[in-house]
C-alpha atoms as a PDB file:
ATOM      1  CA  MET A   1      -4.840  -3.250  37.204  1.00  0.00           C
ATOM      2  CA  ALA A   2      -8.150  -3.664  35.338  1.00  0.00           C
ATOM      3  CA  GLU A   3      -8.637   0.182  34.825  1.00  0.00           C
ATOM      4  CA  LYS A   4      -5.230   0.181  33.107  1.00  0.00           C
ATOM      5  CA  GLN A   5      -6.126  -2.599  30.738  1.00  0.00           C
ATOM      6  CA  VAL A   6      -9.397  -0.989  29.849  1.00  0.00           C
ATOM      7  CA  ALA A   7      -7.714   2.351  29.261  1.00  0.00           C
ATOM      8  CA  GLU A   8      -5.170   0.767  26.904  1.00  0.00           C
ATOM      9  CA  ILE A   9      -7.822  -0.967  24.944  1.00  0.00           C
ATOM     10  CA  THR A  10     -10.237   1.892  24.575  1.00  0.00           C
ATOM     11  CA  GLY A  11      -7.793   4.891  24.637  1.00  0.00           C
ATOM     12  CA  ILE A  12      -9.634   6.600  27.627  1.00  0.00           C
ATOM     13  CA  ASP A  13      -7.932   7.846  30.679  1.00  0.00           C
ATOM     14  CA  ILE A  14      -7.466   5.707  33.892  1.00  0.00           C
ATOM     15  CA  LYS A  15      -9.977   7.789  35.930  1.00  0.00           C
ATOM     16  CA  THR A  16     -12.763   7.320  33.375  1.00  0.00           C
ATOM     17  CA  ALA A  17     -11.957   3.612  33.007  1.00  0.00           C
ATOM     18  CA  LYS A  18     -12.251   3.202  36.748  1.00  0.00           C
ATOM     19  CA  GLN A  19     -15.699   4.767  36.630  1.00  0.00           C
ATOM     20  CA  TYR A  20     -16.896   2.426  33.951  1.00  0.00           C
ATOM     21  CA  LEU A  21     -15.499  -0.554  36.037  1.00  0.00           C
ATOM     22  CA  GLU A  22     -17.487   0.615  38.903  1.00  0.00           C
ATOM     23  CA  MET A  23     -20.637   0.752  36.812  1.00  0.00           C
ATOM     24  CA  THR A  24     -20.067  -2.824  35.726  1.00  0.00           C
ATOM     25  CA  ASN A  25     -19.054  -4.166  39.258  1.00  0.00           C
ATOM     26  CA  GLY A  26     -15.480  -4.770  38.028  1.00  0.00           C
ATOM     27  CA  ASP A  27     -16.455  -6.600  34.801  1.00  0.00           C
ATOM     28  CA  ALA A  28     -13.585  -5.372  32.442  1.00  0.00           C
ATOM     29  CA  ASN A  29     -15.210  -6.939  29.205  1.00  0.00           C
ATOM     30  CA  ARG A  30     -18.586  -5.304  29.974  1.00  0.00           C
ATOM     31  CA  ALA A  31     -16.903  -2.018  30.577  1.00  0.00           C
ATOM     32  CA  VAL A  32     -15.163  -2.124  27.271  1.00  0.00           C
ATOM     33  CA  ASP A  33     -18.470  -2.901  25.463  1.00  0.00           C
ATOM     34  CA  LEU A  34     -20.136   0.102  27.278  1.00  0.00           C
ATOM     35  CA  ILE A  35     -17.243   2.517  26.298  1.00  0.00           C
ATOM     36  CA  PHE A  36     -17.524   1.349  22.631  1.00  0.00           C
ATOM     37  CA  SER A  37     -21.312   1.652  22.556  1.00  0.00           C
ATOM     38  CA  GLY A  38     -21.064   5.189  23.745  1.00  0.00           C
ATOM     39  CA  ALA A  39     -22.763   4.915  27.086  1.00  0.00           C
ATOM     40  CA  GLU A  40     -22.205   7.657  29.471  1.00  0.00           C
ATOM     41  CA  VAL A  41     -20.639   7.298  32.911  1.00  0.00           C
ATOM     42  CA  ARG A  42     -23.111   7.282  35.647  1.00  0.00           C
ATOM     43  CA  LYS A  43     -22.355   6.857  39.294  1.00  0.00           C
ATOM     44  CA  THR A  44     -24.155   3.990  41.161  1.00  0.00           C
ATOM     45  CA  PRO A  45     -25.504   5.198  44.404  1.00  0.00           C
ATOM     46  CA  ARG A  46     -23.949   3.558  47.379  1.00  0.00           C
ATOM     47  CA  ILE A  47     -26.356   1.634  49.787  1.00  0.00           C
ATOM     48  CA  ILE A  48     -25.375   2.094  53.340  1.00  0.00           C
ATOM     49  CA  LYS A  49     -26.457  -0.790  55.451  1.00  0.00           C
ATOM     50  CA  PRO A  50     -27.476  -0.108  58.955  1.00  0.00           C
ATOM     51  CA  LYS A  51     -24.964  -1.432  61.634  1.00  0.00           C
ATOM     52  CA  THR A  52     -26.378  -4.157  63.722  1.00  0.00           C
ATOM     53  CA  PRO A  53     -25.217  -3.869  67.395  1.00  0.00           C
ATOM     54  CA  ARG A  54     -23.173  -6.785  68.662  1.00  0.00           C
ATOM     55  CA  PRO A  55     -22.433  -7.770  72.191  1.00  0.00           C
ATOM     56  CA  ASN A  56     -19.431  -6.185  73.936  1.00  0.00           C
ATOM     57  CA  ASN A  57     -17.975  -9.504  74.734  1.00  0.00           C
ATOM     58  CA  ALA A  58     -18.312 -10.831  71.153  1.00  0.00           C
ATOM     59  CA  ALA A  59     -15.147 -11.177  69.194  1.00  0.00           C
ATOM     60  CA  PRO A  60     -15.013  -9.239  65.869  1.00  0.00           C
ATOM     61  CA  SER A  61     -15.861 -11.596  62.986  1.00  0.00           C
ATOM     62  CA  ARG A  62     -13.671 -11.614  60.031  1.00  0.00           C
ATOM     63  CA  THR A  63     -15.003 -12.702  56.789  1.00  0.00           C
ATOM     64  CA  SER A  64     -12.768 -13.451  53.741  1.00  0.00           C
ATOM     65  CA  VAL A  65     -13.916 -12.151  50.489  1.00  0.00           C
ATOM     66  CA  ALA A  66     -12.678 -13.859  47.340  1.00  0.00           C
ATOM     67  CA  PRO A  67     -11.339 -11.410  44.828  1.00  0.00           C
ATOM     68  CA  LYS A  68     -13.474 -11.054  41.777  1.00  0.00           C
ATOM     69  CA  SER A  69     -11.760 -12.631  38.867  1.00  0.00           C
ATOM     70  CA  ILE A  70     -11.310 -10.506  35.875  1.00  0.00           C
ATOM     71  CA  GLN A  71     -11.636 -12.144  32.410  1.00  0.00           C
ATOM     72  CA  PRO A  72      -8.744 -11.338  30.083  1.00  0.00           C
ATOM     73  CA  LEU A  73      -9.615  -8.445  27.751  1.00  0.00           C
ATOM     74  CA  LYS A  74      -9.969  -9.160  24.018  1.00  0.00           C
ATOM     75  CA  THR A  75      -7.133  -7.960  21.827  1.00  0.00           C
ATOM     76  CA  SER A  76      -7.791  -6.270  18.469  1.00  0.00           C
ATOM     77  CA  ASN A  77      -7.067  -9.487  16.565  1.00  0.00           C
ATOM     78  CA  GLU A  78      -9.557 -11.434  18.733  1.00  0.00           C
ATOM     79  CA  ILE A  79     -12.198  -8.820  18.040  1.00  0.00           C
ATOM     80  CA  ILE A  80     -11.542  -9.113  14.254  1.00  0.00           C
ATOM     81  CA  ASN A  81     -11.791 -13.033  14.598  1.00  0.00           C
ATOM     82  CA  ASP A  82     -15.196 -12.501  16.294  1.00  0.00           C
ATOM     83  CA  ILE A  83     -16.255 -10.227  13.403  1.00  0.00           C
ATOM     84  CA  PHE A  84     -15.472 -12.938  10.773  1.00  0.00           C
ATOM     85  CA  THR A  85     -17.059 -15.689  12.792  1.00  0.00           C
ATOM     86  CA  GLU A  86     -20.372 -13.668  12.916  1.00  0.00           C
ATOM     87  CA  MET A  87     -20.094 -12.858   9.334  1.00  0.00           C
ATOM     88  CA  SER A  88     -19.564 -16.552   8.363  1.00  0.00           C
ATOM     89  CA  GLN A  89     -22.759 -17.480  10.221  1.00  0.00           C
ATOM     90  CA  LYS A  90     -24.662 -14.719   8.403  1.00  0.00           C
ATOM     91  CA  GLU A  91     -23.315 -15.849   5.074  1.00  0.00           C
ATOM     92  CA  LEU A  92     -24.605 -19.387   5.772  1.00  0.00           C
ATOM     93  CA  GLN A  93     -28.016 -18.068   6.748  1.00  0.00           C
ATOM     94  CA  LYS A  94     -28.089 -15.830   3.643  1.00  0.00           C
ATOM     95  CA  ASN A  95     -27.255 -18.824   1.246  1.00  0.00           C
ATOM     96  CA  SER A  96     -29.840 -21.016   3.025  1.00  0.00           C
ATOM     97  CA  ILE A  97     -32.643 -18.623   2.020  1.00  0.00           C
ATOM     98  CA  GLY A  98     -31.316 -18.197  -1.581  1.00  0.00           C
ATOM     99  CA  ASP A  99     -30.132 -14.597  -1.292  1.00  0.00           C
ATOM    100  CA  GLN A 100     -27.267 -14.284  -3.706  1.00  0.00           C
ATOM    101  CA  SER A 101     -27.179 -10.635  -4.205  1.00  0.00           C
ATOM    102  CA  LYS A 102     -23.752  -8.909  -4.492  1.00  0.00           C
ATOM    103  CA  GLY A 103     -22.779  -6.346  -1.805  1.00  0.00           C
ATOM    104  CA  LYS A 104     -22.939  -2.719  -2.773  1.00  0.00           C
ATOM    105  CA  HIS A 105     -20.378  -1.764  -0.080  1.00  0.00           C
ATOM    106  CA  SER A 106     -17.323  -3.588   1.189  1.00  0.00           C
ATOM    107  CA  ILE A 107     -15.065  -3.653   4.230  1.00  0.00           C
ATOM    108  CA  THR A 108     -11.501  -5.119   3.567  1.00  0.00           C
ATOM    109  CA  PHE A 109      -9.781  -6.138   6.809  1.00  0.00           C
ATOM    110  CA  TYR A 110      -5.975  -6.351   6.883  1.00  0.00           C
ATOM    111  CA  LYS A 111      -3.619  -7.533   9.633  1.00  0.00           C
ATOM    112  CA  ASN A 112      -3.012  -3.884  10.739  1.00  0.00           C
ATOM    113  CA  GLY A 113      -6.415  -2.144   9.933  1.00  0.00           C
ATOM    114  CA  PHE A 114      -9.229  -1.987   7.312  1.00  0.00           C
ATOM    115  CA  ILE A 115     -10.569  -0.080   4.230  1.00  0.00           C
ATOM    116  CA  VAL A 116     -14.142   0.771   3.661  1.00  0.00           C
ATOM    117  CA  ASP A 117     -14.893   0.620  -0.170  1.00  0.00           C
ATOM    118  CA  ASP A 118     -12.103   2.285  -1.951  1.00  0.00           C
ATOM    119  CA  GLY A 119     -11.420   4.792   0.888  1.00  0.00           C
ATOM    120  CA  GLU A 120      -8.343   5.502   2.971  1.00  0.00           C
ATOM    121  CA  PHE A 121      -6.704   2.861   5.073  1.00  0.00           C
ATOM    122  CA  ARG A 122      -7.761   2.917   8.789  1.00  0.00           C
ATOM    123  CA  GLU A 123      -5.689   1.474  11.588  1.00  0.00           C
ATOM    124  CA  ASN A 124      -7.336  -0.901  14.210  1.00  0.00           C
ATOM    125  CA  SER A 125      -5.418   0.901  17.004  1.00  0.00           C
ATOM    126  CA  ASP A 126      -6.772   4.320  16.151  1.00  0.00           C
ATOM    127  CA  PRO A 127      -9.440   5.269  18.774  1.00  0.00           C
ATOM    128  CA  LYS A 128     -11.530   7.051  16.043  1.00  0.00           C
ATOM    129  CA  ASN A 129     -12.238   3.620  14.573  1.00  0.00           C
ATOM    130  CA  ALA A 130     -13.395   2.008  17.994  1.00  0.00           C
ATOM    131  CA  ASP A 131     -17.121   2.677  17.282  1.00  0.00           C
ATOM    132  CA  PHE A 132     -16.875   1.366  13.726  1.00  0.00           C
ATOM    133  CA  LEU A 133     -15.227  -1.993  15.066  1.00  0.00           C
ATOM    134  CA  SER A 134     -17.585  -2.330  17.904  1.00  0.00           C
ATOM    135  CA  SER A 135     -20.662  -2.109  15.515  1.00  0.00           C
ATOM    136  CA  VAL A 136     -19.277  -4.733  13.122  1.00  0.00           C
ATOM    137  CA  ASN A 137     -18.331  -6.914  16.149  1.00  0.00           C
ATOM    138  CA  LYS A 138     -22.098  -6.833  17.239  1.00  0.00           C
ATOM    139  CA  ALA A 139     -23.002  -7.768  13.580  1.00  0.00           C
ATOM    140  CA  GLN A 140     -24.527  -4.162  13.181  1.00  0.00           C
ATOM    141  CA  ILE A 141     -24.135  -1.870  10.282  1.00  0.00           C
ATOM    142  CA  PRO A 142     -21.617   0.880  11.221  1.00  0.00           C
ATOM    143  CA  GLU A 143     -23.270   4.267  11.548  1.00  0.00           C
ATOM    144  CA  GLU A 144     -21.367   5.827   8.618  1.00  0.00           C
ATOM    145  CA  LEU A 145     -22.992   3.108   6.381  1.00  0.00           C
ATOM    146  CA  ARG A 146     -26.478   2.686   7.738  1.00  0.00           C
ATOM    147  CA  ASP A 147     -28.086   5.137   5.227  1.00  0.00           C
ATOM    148  CA  LYS A 148     -26.241   3.589   2.358  1.00  0.00           C
ATOM    149  CA  CYS A 149     -26.770  -0.202   2.516  1.00  0.00           C
ATOM    150  CA  ARG A 150     -28.633  -3.074   4.167  1.00  0.00           C
ATOM    151  CA  PRO A 151     -26.956  -5.880   5.915  1.00  0.00           C
ATOM    152  CA  SER A 152     -27.281  -8.096   2.967  1.00  0.00           C
ATOM    153  CA  ASP A 153     -25.570  -5.433   0.837  1.00  0.00           C
ATOM    154  CA  LEU A 154     -22.284  -5.340   2.885  1.00  0.00           C
ATOM    155  CA  ASP A 155     -19.292  -7.495   1.855  1.00  0.00           C
ATOM    156  CA  VAL A 156     -16.562  -8.311   4.342  1.00  0.00           C
ATOM    157  CA  ILE A 157     -13.257  -9.229   2.663  1.00  0.00           C
ATOM    158  CA  ASP A 158     -10.746 -11.114   4.737  1.00  0.00           C
ATOM    159  CA  LYS A 159      -7.084 -10.189   4.010  1.00  0.00           C
ATOM    160  CA  ARG A 160      -5.801 -10.449   7.659  1.00  0.00           C
ATOM    161  CA  GLU A 161      -2.849 -12.571   6.558  1.00  0.00           C
ATOM    162  CA  GLU A 162      -1.493  -9.410   4.592  1.00  0.00           C
ATOM    163  CA  GLU A 163       0.052  -6.304   6.105  1.00  0.00           C
ATOM    164  CA  TYR A 164      -1.358  -3.185   4.402  1.00  0.00           C
ATOM    165  CA  ILE A 165       1.346  -1.260   2.654  1.00  0.00           C
ATOM    166  CA  LYS A 166       0.562   2.196   1.372  1.00  0.00           C
ATOM    167  CA  PRO A 167       1.264   2.598  -2.250  1.00  0.00           C
ATOM    168  CA  LYS A 168       4.007   4.919  -3.110  1.00  0.00           C
ATOM    169  CA  THR A 169       2.935   8.111  -4.712  1.00  0.00           C
ATOM    170  CA  GLN A 170       4.600   9.543  -7.824  1.00  0.00           C
ATOM    171  CA  PRO A 171       6.644  12.713  -7.134  1.00  0.00           C
ATOM    172  CA  ASN A 172       5.395  15.974  -8.511  1.00  0.00           C
ATOM    173  CA  VAL A 173       7.253  17.011 -11.672  1.00  0.00           C
ATOM    174  CA  PHE A 174       8.602  20.449 -11.675  1.00  0.00           C
ATOM    175  CA  ILE A 175       6.901  22.764 -14.098  1.00  0.00           C
ATOM    176  CA  GLY A 176       8.881  25.915 -15.068  1.00  0.00           C
ATOM    177  CA  GLN A 177       9.845  28.198 -17.882  1.00  0.00           C
ATOM    178  CA  SER A 178      13.106  28.459 -19.861  1.00  0.00           C
ATOM    179  CA  LYS A 179      14.612  31.841 -20.093  1.00  0.00           C
ATOM    180  CA  SER A 180      17.506  33.247 -22.150  1.00  0.00           C
ATOM    181  CA  ILE A 181      19.886  35.987 -21.238  1.00  0.00           C
ATOM    182  CA  GLY A 182      18.455  38.318 -23.884  1.00  0.00           C
ATOM    183  CA  GLY A 183      14.833  37.992 -22.740  1.00  0.00           C
ATOM    184  CA  ASP A 184      11.762  35.758 -22.412  1.00  0.00           C
ATOM    185  CA  THR A 185      11.336  35.094 -26.060  1.00  0.00           C
ATOM    186  CA  ASN A 186      11.406  31.355 -25.773  1.00  0.00           C
ATOM    187  CA  LYS A 187       8.885  30.780 -22.821  1.00  0.00           C
ATOM    188  CA  ARG A 188       7.653  27.263 -22.750  1.00  0.00           C
ATOM    189  CA  PRO A 189       6.681  24.893 -19.905  1.00  0.00           C
ATOM    190  CA  THR A 190       9.339  22.213 -19.317  1.00  0.00           C
ATOM    191  CA  THR A 191       7.922  18.981 -18.022  1.00  0.00           C
ATOM    192  CA  ALA A 192       9.063  15.345 -18.039  1.00  0.00           C
ATOM    193  CA  SER A 193       6.470  14.713 -20.886  1.00  0.00           C
ATOM    194  CA  ASN A 194       8.118  17.383 -23.005  1.00  0.00           C
ATOM    195  CA  GLN A 195      11.613  15.830 -22.454  1.00  0.00           C
ATOM    196  CA  ASN A 196      10.315  12.454 -23.387  1.00  0.00           C
ATOM    197  CA  SER A 197       8.664  13.719 -26.487  1.00  0.00           C
ATOM    198  CA  SER A 198      11.981  14.868 -27.832  1.00  0.00           C
ATOM    199  CA  ARG A 199      13.418  11.418 -27.531  1.00  0.00           C
ATOM    200  CA  ALA A 200      13.108   9.456 -30.890  1.00  0.00           C
ATOM    201  CA  PRO A 201      11.185   6.151 -30.712  1.00  0.00           C
ATOM    202  CA  ASN A 202      12.921   2.827 -30.585  1.00  0.00           C
ATOM    203  CA  THR A 203      13.360   1.632 -34.170  1.00  0.00           C
ATOM    204  CA  PHE A 204      14.581  -1.431 -36.200  1.00  0.00           C
ATOM    205  CA  LYS A 205      16.363  -1.290 -39.515  1.00  0.00           C
ATOM    206  CA  ASP A 206      17.434  -4.204 -41.687  1.00  0.00           C
ATOM    207  CA  PHE A 207      20.698  -3.684 -43.678  1.00  0.00           C
ATOM    208  CA  ALA A 208      21.565  -7.309 -44.161  1.00  0.00           C
ATOM    209  CA  ASN A 209      22.029  -9.115 -47.337  1.00  0.00           C
ATOM    210  CA  PRO A 210      19.854 -12.197 -46.949  1.00  0.00           C
ATOM    211  CA  ASN A 211      22.330 -14.310 -49.022  1.00  0.00           C
ATOM    212  CA  LEU A 212      25.134 -13.684 -46.395  1.00  0.00           C
ATOM    213  CA  PRO A 213      25.432 -14.628 -42.699  1.00  0.00           C
ATOM    214  CA  SER A 214      23.942 -11.914 -40.564  1.00  0.00           C
ATOM    215  CA  THR A 215      23.309 -10.923 -36.941  1.00  0.00           C
ATOM    216  CA  LYS A 216      21.377  -8.402 -34.851  1.00  0.00           C
ATOM    217  CA  ILE A 217      22.926  -5.684 -32.688  1.00  0.00           C
ATOM    218  CA  ARG A 218      21.343  -3.356 -30.223  1.00  0.00           C
ATOM    219  CA  LEU A 219      22.521   0.252 -30.218  1.00  0.00           C
ATOM    220  CA  GLN A 220      21.766   2.601 -27.198  1.00  0.00           C
ATOM    221  CA  LEU A 221      21.765   6.215 -28.295  1.00  0.00           C
ATOM    222  CA  GLU A 222      22.534   9.291 -26.262  1.00  0.00           C
ATOM    223  CA  ASP A 223      18.893  10.213 -25.919  1.00  0.00           C
ATOM    224  CA  SER A 224      18.235   6.708 -24.290  1.00  0.00           C
ATOM    225  CA  SER A 225      16.391   5.509 -27.333  1.00  0.00           C
ATOM    226  CA  ILE A 226      17.314   2.156 -28.823  1.00  0.00           C
ATOM    227  CA  LEU A 227      18.179   1.507 -32.491  1.00  0.00           C
ATOM    228  CA  SER A 228      18.245  -2.193 -33.481  1.00  0.00           C
ATOM    229  CA  LEU A 229      20.023  -3.157 -36.695  1.00  0.00           C
ATOM    230  CA  SER A 230      20.183  -6.408 -38.776  1.00  0.00           C
ATOM    231  CA  ILE A 231      23.531  -6.485 -40.486  1.00  0.00           C
ATOM    232  CA  ASN A 232      25.923  -8.998 -42.110  1.00  0.00           C
ATOM    233  CA  LEU A 233      28.926 -10.450 -40.245  1.00  0.00           C
ATOM    234  CA  SER A 234      31.106  -8.920 -42.950  1.00  0.00           C
ATOM    235  CA  THR A 235      29.920  -5.402 -42.285  1.00  0.00           C
ATOM    236  CA  THR A 236      32.844  -3.096 -41.174  1.00  0.00           C
ATOM    237  CA  ILE A 237      32.703  -0.779 -38.260  1.00  0.00           C
ATOM    238  CA  ARG A 238      32.934   2.155 -40.708  1.00  0.00           C
ATOM    239  CA  GLU A 239      29.847   0.938 -42.454  1.00  0.00           C
ATOM    240  CA  LEU A 240      28.094   0.506 -39.169  1.00  0.00           C
ATOM    241  CA  LYS A 241      28.756   4.082 -38.243  1.00  0.00           C
ATOM    242  CA  LYS A 242      27.292   5.013 -41.704  1.00  0.00           C
ATOM    243  CA  TYR A 243      24.127   3.117 -41.030  1.00  0.00           C
ATOM    244  CA  ILE A 244      23.745   4.879 -37.712  1.00  0.00           C
ATOM    245  CA  SER A 245      24.040   8.266 -39.447  1.00  0.00           C
ATOM    246  CA  GLN A 246      21.479   7.122 -41.982  1.00  0.00           C
ATOM    247  CA  CYS A 247      18.981   6.179 -39.267  1.00  0.00           C
ATOM    248  CA  ARG A 248      19.768   9.245 -37.064  1.00  0.00           C
ATOM    249  CA  PRO A 249      20.847  12.436 -39.005  1.00  0.00           C
ATOM    250  CA  GLU A 250      22.076  14.103 -35.903  1.00  0.00           C
ATOM    251  CA  TYR A 251      25.259  11.989 -36.050  1.00  0.00           C
ATOM    252  CA  ILE A 252      26.155  12.936 -39.694  1.00  0.00           C
ATOM    253  CA  GLN A 253      28.209  16.029 -38.699  1.00  0.00           C
ATOM    254  CA  ASN A 254      29.864  14.381 -35.789  1.00  0.00           C
ATOM    255  CA  LYS A 255      32.314  11.580 -35.167  1.00  0.00           C
ATOM    256  CA  ILE A 256      30.707   8.428 -33.638  1.00  0.00           C
ATOM    257  CA  LYS A 257      32.151   6.626 -30.685  1.00  0.00           C
ATOM    258  CA  LEU A 258      31.237   2.945 -30.085  1.00  0.00           C
ATOM    259  CA  VAL A 259      31.494   1.205 -26.717  1.00  0.00           C
ATOM    260  CA  LEU A 260      30.720  -2.483 -26.227  1.00  0.00           C
ATOM    261  CA  ASN A 261      28.769  -3.076 -23.096  1.00  0.00           C
ATOM    262  CA  VAL A 262      30.110  -6.658 -22.266  1.00  0.00           C
ATOM    263  CA  PRO A 263      32.941  -6.947 -22.068  1.00  0.00           C
ATOM    264  CA  HIS A 264      33.258  -3.121 -21.643  1.00  0.00           C
ATOM    265  CA  ARG A 265      35.610  -1.759 -24.254  1.00  0.00           C
ATOM    266  CA  GLU A 266      35.721   0.904 -26.975  1.00  0.00           C
ATOM    267  CA  ILE A 267      35.498  -0.158 -30.664  1.00  0.00           C
ATOM    268  CA  THR A 268      38.285   1.783 -32.453  1.00  0.00           C
ATOM    269  CA  ASN A 269      39.145  -0.356 -35.514  1.00  0.00           C
ATOM    270  CA  ASP A 270      36.960   1.076 -38.268  1.00  0.00           C
ATOM    271  CA  ALA A 271      38.370  -1.586 -40.770  1.00  0.00           C
ATOM    272  CA  GLY A 272      37.356  -4.487 -38.533  1.00  0.00           C
ATOM    273  CA  THR A 273      34.192  -6.428 -39.204  1.00  0.00           C
ATOM    274  CA  ILE A 274      31.282  -7.473 -37.025  1.00  0.00           C
ATOM    275  CA  GLU A 275      32.628 -10.957 -36.879  1.00  0.00           C
ATOM    276  CA  SER A 276      36.299 -10.121 -36.271  1.00  0.00           C
ATOM    277  CA  GLU A 277      35.451  -7.670 -33.436  1.00  0.00           C
ATOM    278  CA  GLY A 278      33.172 -10.295 -31.848  1.00  0.00           C
ATOM    279  CA  LEU A 279      29.964  -8.173 -32.065  1.00  0.00           C
ATOM    280  CA  LYS A 280      27.437 -10.822 -32.873  1.00  0.00           C
ATOM    281  CA  MET A 281      24.152 -10.308 -30.800  1.00  0.00           C
ATOM    282  CA  SER A 282      25.954  -7.434 -28.955  1.00  0.00           C
ATOM    283  CA  GLN A 283      24.734  -4.311 -27.161  1.00  0.00           C
ATOM    284  CA  ILE A 284      26.692  -1.154 -28.050  1.00  0.00           C
ATOM    285  CA  GLN A 285      26.540   2.423 -26.524  1.00  0.00           C
ATOM    286  CA  VAL A 286      26.691   5.195 -29.224  1.00  0.00           C
ATOM    287  CA  SER A 287      27.901   8.738 -28.567  1.00  0.00           C
ATOM    288  CA  SER A 288      29.138  11.729 -30.575  1.00  0.00           C
ATOM    289  CA  ILE A 289      32.667  13.230 -30.119  1.00  0.00           C
END
């Protein structure tokens, strides 16, 4: 039924949709325009025609009334297409008179909605946006922008081939205080930035003799920082651990464990060399034991 179609498009109830259809003599498209324009429902007075007497012997006449055809209602995508058709015509007119001014406000249309300037995303199907879309469809400045710009100052950006996806928000980082059993002597806010600041920066050190064959290895330390070294192929694993301790004093008092990433295996032969252990251009995880 037409009132059901009108109700689905505009978001009003069936009874009100029926009243608008009565106002427009069953013209569904006109009824939708009236709803979006904010026209109030008014009842059309019925005109009662006087009955004309007929002869008693006359047979009752039957007249067939053809049902009024209802034009299919426009979908939201068709409404958006009309908007861009109208905007294209306005753009041609503007260029013909030499008006090349840039818009001060913008409306960006997506497949599933639109954004005004840099505001929140608004869905086409939301009844709250019906007046806005109706105004643009009629080549009018929406009411919320009328005091802010002229028609020539409004840009319409077409991204209807794209589905708007809301950007992910970063989770809130917990901010708390550390407490010891003996008291609150070491109160200090703990945040992600504090933890990152304790991590040493990524560094590069050159321990290679330029007269001998050399290579570079990448060491991933326990604090997730990276230590890159340039060393000779004849360097032993014991010397490699010594270089690590020189660069990171926290490893001096502890034994160092080295694990090759690919293929995954622990490097246990301290007398072996970088070349004999197959560690050229390798990535190694470093931990203390």
